[in-house]
C-alpha atoms as a PDB file:
ATOM      1  CA  MET A   1      -0.284   0.162  -0.318  1.00  0.00           C
ATOM      2  CA  ILE A   2       2.645   2.383   1.082  1.00  0.00           C
ATOM      3  CA  LYS A   3       4.749   0.932  -1.430  1.00  0.00           C
ATOM      4  CA  ASN A   4       2.300   1.754  -4.193  1.00  0.00           C
ATOM      5  CA  LEU A   5       1.678   5.161  -2.846  1.00  0.00           C
ATOM      6  CA  LEU A   6       5.367   5.959  -3.061  1.00  0.00           C
ATOM      7  CA  LYS A   7       5.828   4.734  -6.797  1.00  0.00           C
ATOM      8  CA  ASN A   8       2.878   6.527  -7.879  1.00  0.00           C
ATOM      9  CA  LEU A   9       3.776  10.101  -5.871  1.00  0.00           C
ATOM     10  CA  SER A  10       7.535   9.523  -7.425  1.00  0.00           C
ATOM     11  CA  SER A  11       6.027   9.300 -11.189  1.00  0.00           C
ATOM     12  CA  THR A  12       4.123  11.961 -10.675  1.00  0.00           C
ATOM     13  CA  THR A  13       6.925  14.453  -9.454  1.00  0.00           C
ATOM     14  CA  ILE A  14       9.204  13.146 -12.243  1.00  0.00           C
ATOM     15  CA  THR A  15       6.047  14.073 -14.325  1.00  0.00           C
ATOM     16  CA  ILE A  16       6.445  17.420 -12.566  1.00  0.00           C
ATOM     17  CA  VAL A  17      10.093  17.954 -13.197  1.00  0.00           C
ATOM     18  CA  LEU A  18       9.891  17.251 -16.923  1.00  0.00           C
ATOM     19  CA  ILE A  19       6.608  19.369 -17.307  1.00  0.00           C
ATOM     20  CA  PHE A  20       8.907  22.295 -15.585  1.00  0.00           C
ATOM     21  CA  ILE A  21      11.931  21.062 -17.463  1.00  0.00           C
ATOM     22  CA  SER A  22      10.261  21.820 -21.115  1.00  0.00           C
ATOM     23  CA  LEU A  23       8.348  24.939 -19.974  1.00  0.00           C
ATOM     24  CA  TYR A  24      11.885  26.249 -18.935  1.00  0.00           C
ATOM     25  CA  LEU A  25      13.732  24.969 -22.119  1.00  0.00           C
ATOM     26  CA  SER A  26      10.696  26.744 -24.107  1.00  0.00           C
ATOM     27  CA  PHE A  27      10.979  30.156 -22.017  1.00  0.00           C
ATOM     28  CA  ALA A  28      14.606  29.967 -22.105  1.00  0.00           C
ATOM     29  CA  LEU A  29      14.601  29.828 -26.384  1.00  0.00           C
ATOM     30  CA  ALA A  30      11.810  32.432 -26.655  1.00  0.00           C
ATOM     31  CA  LEU A  31      14.353  34.785 -24.525  1.00  0.00           C
ATOM     32  CA  TYR A  32      17.143  33.859 -27.177  1.00  0.00           C
ATOM     33  CA  GLN A  33      15.107  34.755 -30.198  1.00  0.00           C
ATOM     34  CA  ILE A  34      14.218  37.546 -28.818  1.00  0.00           C
ATOM     35  CA  TRP A  35      17.737  38.675 -27.320  1.00  0.00           C
ATOM     36  CA  ASP A  36      18.883  37.647 -30.769  1.00  0.00           C
ATOM     37  CA  SER A  37      16.594  39.724 -32.837  1.00  0.00           C
END
C-alpha cells in the first residue's frame, strides 16, 4: 500500500519535473530568440 503510494508519488514528481524542464527550455528558447533579434 505505502510502496504503491510512493511509486505513484515518484511518477507524479517525475512528470512535474519533466513539465517544468520543458517549460523552462521553451522559455529560454523564446528569450534567446528575442535577445538575438
